[in-house]
Amino acid sequence: KPSPAFIPPVAILEEAVVMALGASKYGPFNWHEIPVDAATYYSAAMRHIMSWFAGENIDPESGASHLAHARACLGILIDSQTGGSLIDNRPKTTSASETIKRLTK
């Protein structure tokens, strides 16, 4: 059975802070009511990851962790895809996994 024991509690708590910010702004679990598009949440997650990778730990707008924001975006993508409320507007491109295999030396 899947066990949350393998997820660090600090990661869950940091993500919970970001999800609460979103809930107060847009309503809790709003993506269940209004479909969300993949590109929006992918782009937001990547912006947070890039900001973190560039040395900025905390999002200046929210005061919360950039990594927690990225986790929240990914959680919404997983939940909306599983629940059927995801607008799948991913571009039709070549396989990234095949390209990674080809470029790996």
C-alpha atoms as a PDB file:
ATOM      1  CA  LYS A   1       0.000   0.000   0.000  1.00  0.00           C
ATOM      2  CA  PRO A   2       1.236   3.542  -0.658  1.00  0.00           C
ATOM      3  CA  SER A   3       2.722   5.022   2.506  1.00  0.00           C
ATOM      4  CA  PRO A   4       2.950   8.738   3.253  1.00  0.00           C
ATOM      5  CA  ALA A   5       5.696   7.752   5.712  1.00  0.00           C
ATOM      6  CA  PHE A   6       8.156   8.101   2.823  1.00  0.00           C
ATOM      7  CA  ILE A   7       7.309  11.783   2.289  1.00  0.00           C
ATOM      8  CA  PRO A   8       9.214  14.194   4.525  1.00  0.00           C
ATOM      9  CA  PRO A   9       6.732  15.916   6.862  1.00  0.00           C
ATOM     10  CA  VAL A  10       8.421  19.298   6.317  1.00  0.00           C
ATOM     11  CA  ALA A  11       7.677  19.029   2.572  1.00  0.00           C
ATOM     12  CA  ILE A  12       4.016  18.262   3.259  1.00  0.00           C
ATOM     13  CA  LEU A  13       3.748  21.153   5.710  1.00  0.00           C
ATOM     14  CA  GLU A  14       5.437  23.649   3.363  1.00  0.00           C
ATOM     15  CA  GLU A  15       3.135  22.575   0.530  1.00  0.00           C
ATOM     16  CA  ALA A  16       0.126  22.878   2.847  1.00  0.00           C
ATOM     17  CA  VAL A  17       1.011  26.538   3.457  1.00  0.00           C
ATOM     18  CA  VAL A  18       0.982  27.216  -0.296  1.00  0.00           C
ATOM     19  CA  MET A  19      -2.231  25.245  -0.828  1.00  0.00           C
ATOM     20  CA  ALA A  20      -3.886  27.293   1.940  1.00  0.00           C
ATOM     21  CA  LEU A  21      -2.782  30.510   0.204  1.00  0.00           C
ATOM     22  CA  GLY A  22      -4.371  29.248  -3.012  1.00  0.00           C
ATOM     23  CA  ALA A  23      -7.519  28.181  -1.164  1.00  0.00           C
ATOM     24  CA  SER A  24      -7.949  31.649   0.318  1.00  0.00           C
ATOM     25  CA  LYS A  25      -7.400  33.279  -3.078  1.00  0.00           C
ATOM     26  CA  TYR A  26      -9.312  30.912  -5.393  1.00  0.00           C
ATOM     27  CA  GLY A  27     -11.277  28.603  -3.092  1.00  0.00           C
ATOM     28  CA  PRO A  28     -10.231  25.194  -1.785  1.00  0.00           C
ATOM     29  CA  PHE A  29      -9.962  22.516  -4.471  1.00  0.00           C
ATOM     30  CA  ASN A  30     -11.204  25.030  -7.047  1.00  0.00           C
ATOM     31  CA  TRP A  31      -9.739  22.897  -9.861  1.00  0.00           C
ATOM     32  CA  HIS A  32     -12.439  20.318  -9.142  1.00  0.00           C
ATOM     33  CA  GLU A  33     -15.072  22.864 -10.133  1.00  0.00           C
ATOM     34  CA  ILE A  34     -13.297  24.776 -12.885  1.00  0.00           C
ATOM     35  CA  PRO A  35     -10.985  22.782 -15.169  1.00  0.00           C
ATOM     36  CA  VAL A  36      -7.358  23.879 -15.204  1.00  0.00           C
ATOM     37  CA  ASP A  37      -4.989  23.751 -18.124  1.00  0.00           C
ATOM     38  CA  ALA A  38      -1.739  21.822 -17.983  1.00  0.00           C
ATOM     39  CA  ALA A  39       0.412  24.551 -19.524  1.00  0.00           C
ATOM     40  CA  THR A  40      -0.482  27.099 -16.832  1.00  0.00           C
ATOM     41  CA  TYR A  41       0.514  24.861 -13.922  1.00  0.00           C
ATOM     42  CA  TYR A  42       3.555  23.423 -15.708  1.00  0.00           C
ATOM     43  CA  SER A  43       4.782  26.957 -16.434  1.00  0.00           C
ATOM     44  CA  ALA A  44       4.174  28.114 -12.860  1.00  0.00           C
ATOM     45  CA  ALA A  45       5.981  25.080 -11.419  1.00  0.00           C
ATOM     46  CA  MET A  46       8.944  25.627 -13.722  1.00  0.00           C
ATOM     47  CA  ARG A  47       9.164  29.344 -12.830  1.00  0.00           C
ATOM     48  CA  HIS A  48       9.304  28.435  -9.132  1.00  0.00           C
ATOM     49  CA  ILE A  49      11.916  25.737  -9.718  1.00  0.00           C
ATOM     50  CA  MET A  50      14.035  28.088 -11.827  1.00  0.00           C
ATOM     51  CA  SER A  51      13.790  30.827  -9.187  1.00  0.00           C
ATOM     52  CA  TRP A  52      14.865  28.367  -6.510  1.00  0.00           C
ATOM     53  CA  PHE A  53      17.706  27.011  -8.663  1.00  0.00           C
ATOM     54  CA  ALA A  54      18.922  30.583  -9.222  1.00  0.00           C
ATOM     55  CA  GLY A  55      19.298  30.974  -5.444  1.00  0.00           C
ATOM     56  CA  GLU A  56      15.968  32.460  -4.348  1.00  0.00           C
ATOM     57  CA  ASN A  57      14.421  30.184  -1.715  1.00  0.00           C
ATOM     58  CA  ILE A  58      11.341  32.237  -0.879  1.00  0.00           C
ATOM     59  CA  ASP A  59       8.769  33.622  -3.300  1.00  0.00           C
ATOM     60  CA  PRO A  60       8.718  37.382  -2.672  1.00  0.00           C
ATOM     61  CA  GLU A  61       4.998  37.681  -3.448  1.00  0.00           C
ATOM     62  CA  SER A  62       3.735  34.980  -1.080  1.00  0.00           C
ATOM     63  CA  GLY A  63       6.564  34.659   1.416  1.00  0.00           C
ATOM     64  CA  ALA A  64       6.403  30.880   0.941  1.00  0.00           C
ATOM     65  CA  SER A  65       8.954  28.433  -0.366  1.00  0.00           C
ATOM     66  CA  HIS A  66       9.453  28.325  -4.149  1.00  0.00           C
ATOM     67  CA  LEU A  67       9.812  24.550  -3.894  1.00  0.00           C
ATOM     68  CA  ALA A  68       6.513  24.304  -2.006  1.00  0.00           C
ATOM     69  CA  HIS A  69       4.867  26.341  -4.759  1.00  0.00           C
ATOM     70  CA  ALA A  70       6.244  23.915  -7.334  1.00  0.00           C
ATOM     71  CA  ARG A  71       4.958  20.943  -5.312  1.00  0.00           C
ATOM     72  CA  ALA A  72       1.518  22.566  -5.110  1.00  0.00           C
ATOM     73  CA  CYS A  73       1.427  23.087  -8.873  1.00  0.00           C
ATOM     74  CA  LEU A  74       2.410  19.482  -9.486  1.00  0.00           C
ATOM     75  CA  GLY A  75      -0.119  18.244  -6.927  1.00  0.00           C
ATOM     76  CA  ILE A  76      -2.878  20.141  -8.712  1.00  0.00           C
ATOM     77  CA  LEU A  77      -1.757  18.678 -12.045  1.00  0.00           C
ATOM     78  CA  ILE A  78      -1.797  15.136 -10.634  1.00  0.00           C
ATOM     79  CA  ASP A  79      -5.162  15.597  -8.928  1.00  0.00           C
ATOM     80  CA  SER A  80      -6.848  17.284 -11.879  1.00  0.00           C
ATOM     81  CA  GLN A  81      -5.507  14.705 -14.336  1.00  0.00           C
ATOM     82  CA  THR A  82      -6.704  11.858 -12.123  1.00  0.00           C
ATOM     83  CA  GLY A  83     -10.035  13.542 -11.424  1.00  0.00           C
ATOM     84  CA  GLY A  84     -10.750  14.472 -15.022  1.00  0.00           C
ATOM     85  CA  SER A  85     -10.628  18.257 -14.619  1.00  0.00           C
ATOM     86  CA  LEU A  86      -7.353  18.796 -16.498  1.00  0.00           C
ATOM     87  CA  ILE A  87      -7.381  20.544 -19.853  1.00  0.00           C
ATOM     88  CA  ASP A  88      -4.514  18.708 -21.510  1.00  0.00           C
ATOM     89  CA  ASN A  89      -2.964  21.398 -23.660  1.00  0.00           C
ATOM     90  CA  ARG A  90       0.522  19.934 -23.643  1.00  0.00           C
ATOM     91  CA  PRO A  91       2.263  20.471 -26.968  1.00  0.00           C
ATOM     92  CA  LYS A  92       2.569  17.525 -29.298  1.00  0.00           C
ATOM     93  CA  THR A  93       6.341  17.097 -29.351  1.00  0.00           C
ATOM     94  CA  THR A  94       8.872  14.357 -29.695  1.00  0.00           C
ATOM     95  CA  SER A  95       9.433  12.082 -26.733  1.00  0.00           C
ATOM     96  CA  ALA A  96      11.614  13.684 -24.078  1.00  0.00           C
ATOM     97  CA  SER A  97      12.612  10.275 -22.702  1.00  0.00           C
ATOM     98  CA  GLU A  98      13.775   9.145 -26.140  1.00  0.00           C
ATOM     99  CA  THR A  99      15.769  12.344 -26.597  1.00  0.00           C
ATOM    100  CA  ILE A 100      17.370  11.931 -23.164  1.00  0.00           C
ATOM    101  CA  LYS A 101      18.399   8.371 -24.060  1.00  0.00           C
ATOM    102  CA  ARG A 102      19.835   9.543 -27.371  1.00  0.00           C
ATOM    103  CA  LEU A 103      21.807  12.392 -25.790  1.00  0.00           C
ATOM    104  CA  THR A 104      23.100  10.448 -22.785  1.00  0.00           C
ATOM    105  CA  LYS A 105      26.698   9.347 -23.187  1.00  0.00           C
END
